N, C-alpha and C. Protein backbone atom coordinates (compact mmCIF):
# COMPACT_ATOMS: atom_id res chain seq x y z
N MET A 1 4.45 7.14 12.68
CA MET A 1 3.66 6.39 11.73
C MET A 1 2.33 6.03 12.35
N GLY A 2 1.23 6.54 11.77
CA GLY A 2 -0.09 6.20 12.28
C GLY A 2 -0.38 4.73 12.07
N ARG A 3 -0.89 4.08 13.08
CA ARG A 3 -1.13 2.64 12.97
C ARG A 3 -2.61 2.28 12.96
N ASP A 4 -3.48 3.21 13.31
CA ASP A 4 -4.90 2.89 13.32
C ASP A 4 -5.39 2.82 11.88
N MET A 5 -5.63 1.60 11.42
CA MET A 5 -5.98 1.42 10.02
C MET A 5 -7.46 1.11 9.84
N ASN A 6 -8.27 1.38 10.85
CA ASN A 6 -9.70 1.14 10.74
C ASN A 6 -10.33 2.03 9.67
N HIS A 7 -9.70 3.14 9.37
CA HIS A 7 -10.24 4.07 8.38
C HIS A 7 -9.95 3.64 6.95
N ILE A 8 -9.08 2.65 6.75
CA ILE A 8 -8.77 2.19 5.39
C ILE A 8 -9.85 1.19 5.00
N THR A 9 -10.65 1.57 4.02
CA THR A 9 -11.80 0.75 3.67
C THR A 9 -11.50 -0.29 2.59
N ARG A 10 -10.53 -0.03 1.71
CA ARG A 10 -10.20 -1.00 0.67
C ARG A 10 -9.31 -2.09 1.25
N ARG A 11 -9.70 -3.34 1.03
CA ARG A 11 -8.90 -4.45 1.55
C ARG A 11 -7.50 -4.46 0.96
N CYS A 12 -7.38 -4.20 -0.33
CA CYS A 12 -6.06 -4.23 -0.96
C CYS A 12 -5.18 -3.10 -0.43
N GLU A 13 -5.75 -1.96 -0.18
CA GLU A 13 -4.98 -0.83 0.37
C GLU A 13 -4.49 -1.17 1.78
N ARG A 14 -5.36 -1.73 2.59
CA ARG A 14 -4.97 -2.12 3.95
C ARG A 14 -3.88 -3.19 3.91
N ALA A 15 -4.02 -4.16 2.99
CA ALA A 15 -3.02 -5.22 2.87
C ALA A 15 -1.66 -4.66 2.46
N VAL A 16 -1.67 -3.73 1.52
CA VAL A 16 -0.42 -3.12 1.04
C VAL A 16 0.26 -2.35 2.17
N VAL A 17 -0.48 -1.52 2.87
CA VAL A 17 0.11 -0.71 3.95
C VAL A 17 0.61 -1.60 5.08
N THR A 18 -0.16 -2.61 5.44
CA THR A 18 0.25 -3.54 6.49
C THR A 18 1.53 -4.29 6.09
N ALA A 19 1.55 -4.78 4.85
CA ALA A 19 2.73 -5.51 4.37
C ALA A 19 3.96 -4.60 4.32
N TYR A 20 3.79 -3.39 3.83
CA TYR A 20 4.92 -2.46 3.75
C TYR A 20 5.50 -2.21 5.14
N ARG A 21 4.65 -1.91 6.08
CA ARG A 21 5.12 -1.64 7.45
C ARG A 21 5.82 -2.85 8.03
N ALA A 22 5.25 -4.03 7.85
CA ALA A 22 5.85 -5.25 8.39
C ALA A 22 7.21 -5.52 7.75
N LEU A 23 7.29 -5.36 6.45
CA LEU A 23 8.57 -5.58 5.77
C LEU A 23 9.64 -4.60 6.25
N ARG A 24 9.27 -3.34 6.38
CA ARG A 24 10.24 -2.34 6.82
C ARG A 24 10.67 -2.59 8.27
N GLU A 25 9.74 -3.00 9.11
CA GLU A 25 10.05 -3.27 10.52
C GLU A 25 10.98 -4.46 10.68
N THR A 26 10.97 -5.38 9.72
CA THR A 26 11.83 -6.55 9.81
C THR A 26 13.13 -6.38 9.03
N GLY A 27 13.39 -5.16 8.57
CA GLY A 27 14.68 -4.86 7.96
C GLY A 27 14.74 -4.86 6.45
N THR A 28 13.63 -5.07 5.80
CA THR A 28 13.63 -5.01 4.33
C THR A 28 13.82 -3.57 3.91
N ASP A 29 14.69 -3.35 2.91
CA ASP A 29 14.92 -1.97 2.48
C ASP A 29 13.69 -1.44 1.75
N ASP A 30 13.63 -0.13 1.64
CA ASP A 30 12.46 0.56 1.11
C ASP A 30 12.07 0.07 -0.28
N LEU A 31 13.01 0.00 -1.19
CA LEU A 31 12.70 -0.36 -2.57
C LEU A 31 12.18 -1.80 -2.67
N ASP A 32 12.80 -2.72 -1.96
CA ASP A 32 12.33 -4.11 -1.99
C ASP A 32 10.94 -4.23 -1.37
N ALA A 33 10.70 -3.49 -0.28
CA ALA A 33 9.37 -3.51 0.33
C ALA A 33 8.33 -2.93 -0.63
N PHE A 34 8.68 -1.84 -1.29
CA PHE A 34 7.78 -1.24 -2.27
C PHE A 34 7.46 -2.21 -3.39
N ARG A 35 8.48 -2.83 -3.95
CA ARG A 35 8.27 -3.78 -5.05
C ARG A 35 7.40 -4.96 -4.61
N SER A 36 7.65 -5.46 -3.41
CA SER A 36 6.84 -6.57 -2.90
C SER A 36 5.38 -6.16 -2.76
N CYS A 37 5.15 -4.95 -2.32
CA CYS A 37 3.78 -4.47 -2.16
C CYS A 37 3.10 -4.25 -3.51
N ALA A 38 3.85 -3.79 -4.49
CA ALA A 38 3.28 -3.65 -5.83
C ALA A 38 2.91 -5.03 -6.38
N ASP A 39 3.76 -6.02 -6.12
CA ASP A 39 3.45 -7.39 -6.53
C ASP A 39 2.21 -7.91 -5.80
N LEU A 40 2.10 -7.60 -4.52
CA LEU A 40 0.92 -8.00 -3.75
C LEU A 40 -0.33 -7.38 -4.35
N TYR A 41 -0.28 -6.11 -4.68
CA TYR A 41 -1.43 -5.46 -5.30
C TYR A 41 -1.80 -6.16 -6.61
N ARG A 42 -0.81 -6.44 -7.44
CA ARG A 42 -1.09 -7.07 -8.74
C ARG A 42 -1.58 -8.51 -8.58
N TYR A 43 -1.21 -9.16 -7.50
CA TYR A 43 -1.73 -10.50 -7.23
C TYR A 43 -3.25 -10.44 -7.07
N HIS A 44 -3.71 -9.43 -6.33
CA HIS A 44 -5.14 -9.27 -6.08
C HIS A 44 -5.85 -8.55 -7.23
N HIS A 45 -5.10 -7.86 -8.05
CA HIS A 45 -5.65 -7.13 -9.20
C HIS A 45 -4.81 -7.44 -10.44
N PRO A 46 -4.93 -8.65 -10.97
CA PRO A 46 -4.11 -9.03 -12.13
C PRO A 46 -4.40 -8.19 -13.37
N GLU A 47 -5.52 -7.52 -13.38
CA GLU A 47 -5.85 -6.66 -14.51
C GLU A 47 -5.06 -5.35 -14.51
N ALA A 48 -4.44 -5.04 -13.39
CA ALA A 48 -3.70 -3.78 -13.26
C ALA A 48 -2.34 -3.88 -13.93
N SER A 49 -1.94 -2.83 -14.57
CA SER A 49 -0.60 -2.77 -15.16
C SER A 49 0.42 -2.56 -14.04
N ALA A 50 1.67 -2.83 -14.34
CA ALA A 50 2.73 -2.58 -13.36
C ALA A 50 2.77 -1.10 -13.00
N GLY A 51 2.59 -0.25 -13.99
CA GLY A 51 2.61 1.19 -13.73
C GLY A 51 1.49 1.63 -12.81
N GLU A 52 0.30 1.09 -13.02
CA GLU A 52 -0.83 1.43 -12.15
C GLU A 52 -0.56 0.94 -10.73
N ALA A 53 -0.05 -0.28 -10.60
CA ALA A 53 0.25 -0.82 -9.27
C ALA A 53 1.29 0.04 -8.57
N HIS A 54 2.33 0.42 -9.27
CA HIS A 54 3.39 1.25 -8.66
C HIS A 54 2.83 2.61 -8.23
N ARG A 55 1.99 3.20 -9.06
CA ARG A 55 1.42 4.50 -8.72
C ARG A 55 0.55 4.42 -7.47
N LEU A 56 -0.36 3.44 -7.43
CA LEU A 56 -1.24 3.30 -6.28
C LEU A 56 -0.47 2.99 -5.01
N VAL A 57 0.44 2.04 -5.09
CA VAL A 57 1.22 1.66 -3.91
C VAL A 57 2.03 2.86 -3.40
N ALA A 58 2.63 3.61 -4.30
CA ALA A 58 3.40 4.80 -3.91
C ALA A 58 2.48 5.82 -3.22
N GLU A 59 1.29 6.04 -3.78
CA GLU A 59 0.35 6.99 -3.17
C GLU A 59 -0.08 6.53 -1.78
N TRP A 60 -0.37 5.23 -1.65
CA TRP A 60 -0.83 4.72 -0.37
C TRP A 60 0.26 4.76 0.68
N ILE A 61 1.47 4.39 0.31
CA ILE A 61 2.59 4.43 1.27
C ILE A 61 2.87 5.87 1.68
N ASP A 62 2.89 6.75 0.71
CA ASP A 62 3.12 8.16 1.03
C ASP A 62 2.03 8.68 1.97
N HIS A 63 0.80 8.39 1.65
CA HIS A 63 -0.32 8.90 2.43
C HIS A 63 -0.34 8.35 3.85
N HIS A 64 -0.28 7.03 3.97
CA HIS A 64 -0.46 6.39 5.28
C HIS A 64 0.82 6.29 6.10
N VAL A 65 1.95 6.05 5.46
CA VAL A 65 3.19 5.81 6.19
C VAL A 65 4.01 7.09 6.31
N VAL A 66 4.28 7.73 5.20
CA VAL A 66 5.14 8.92 5.22
C VAL A 66 4.42 10.08 5.90
N GLN A 67 3.20 10.39 5.42
CA GLN A 67 2.47 11.54 5.97
C GLN A 67 1.70 11.20 7.24
N GLY A 68 1.41 9.92 7.45
CA GLY A 68 0.62 9.52 8.61
C GLY A 68 -0.82 10.01 8.54
N ALA A 69 -1.31 10.26 7.33
CA ALA A 69 -2.66 10.79 7.15
C ALA A 69 -3.70 9.68 7.28
N ALA A 70 -4.91 10.09 7.65
CA ALA A 70 -5.97 9.11 7.86
C ALA A 70 -7.15 9.30 6.91
N GLY A 71 -7.10 10.30 6.07
CA GLY A 71 -8.20 10.57 5.16
C GLY A 71 -8.24 9.61 4.00
N PRO A 72 -9.25 9.76 3.15
CA PRO A 72 -9.36 8.89 1.97
C PRO A 72 -8.23 9.11 0.98
N THR A 73 -7.97 8.09 0.19
CA THR A 73 -6.92 8.16 -0.82
C THR A 73 -7.50 7.79 -2.18
N PRO A 74 -6.81 8.21 -3.25
CA PRO A 74 -7.22 7.73 -4.57
C PRO A 74 -6.93 6.23 -4.64
N GLY A 75 -7.58 5.53 -5.48
CA GLY A 75 -7.26 4.11 -5.57
C GLY A 75 -8.19 3.34 -6.46
N CYS A 76 -8.14 2.06 -6.30
CA CYS A 76 -8.95 1.17 -7.11
C CYS A 76 -10.39 1.21 -6.61
N ALA A 77 -11.26 0.58 -7.36
CA ALA A 77 -12.69 0.62 -7.05
C ALA A 77 -13.16 -0.54 -6.17
N CYS A 78 -12.24 -1.37 -5.73
CA CYS A 78 -12.67 -2.52 -4.93
C CYS A 78 -13.01 -2.10 -3.51
N PRO A 79 -13.81 -2.92 -2.83
CA PRO A 79 -14.21 -2.60 -1.44
C PRO A 79 -13.10 -2.89 -0.46
């Protein structure tokens, strides 16, 4: 799992990936960690639908955690 997150420019994306990793490292199962991260995203983006939050969080977790990729990801327009 790549840990250098300096390349993640969106604050919400960095927060989601950091939270997911921390939850998994402390024993939270995958689905509960995912749901918590989707809730975290929606807390910062209340305008987002649950479906949008789930899609973005899934893409970010897959990209940064599963694949360990460091390139840009699709996502919201926030900085």
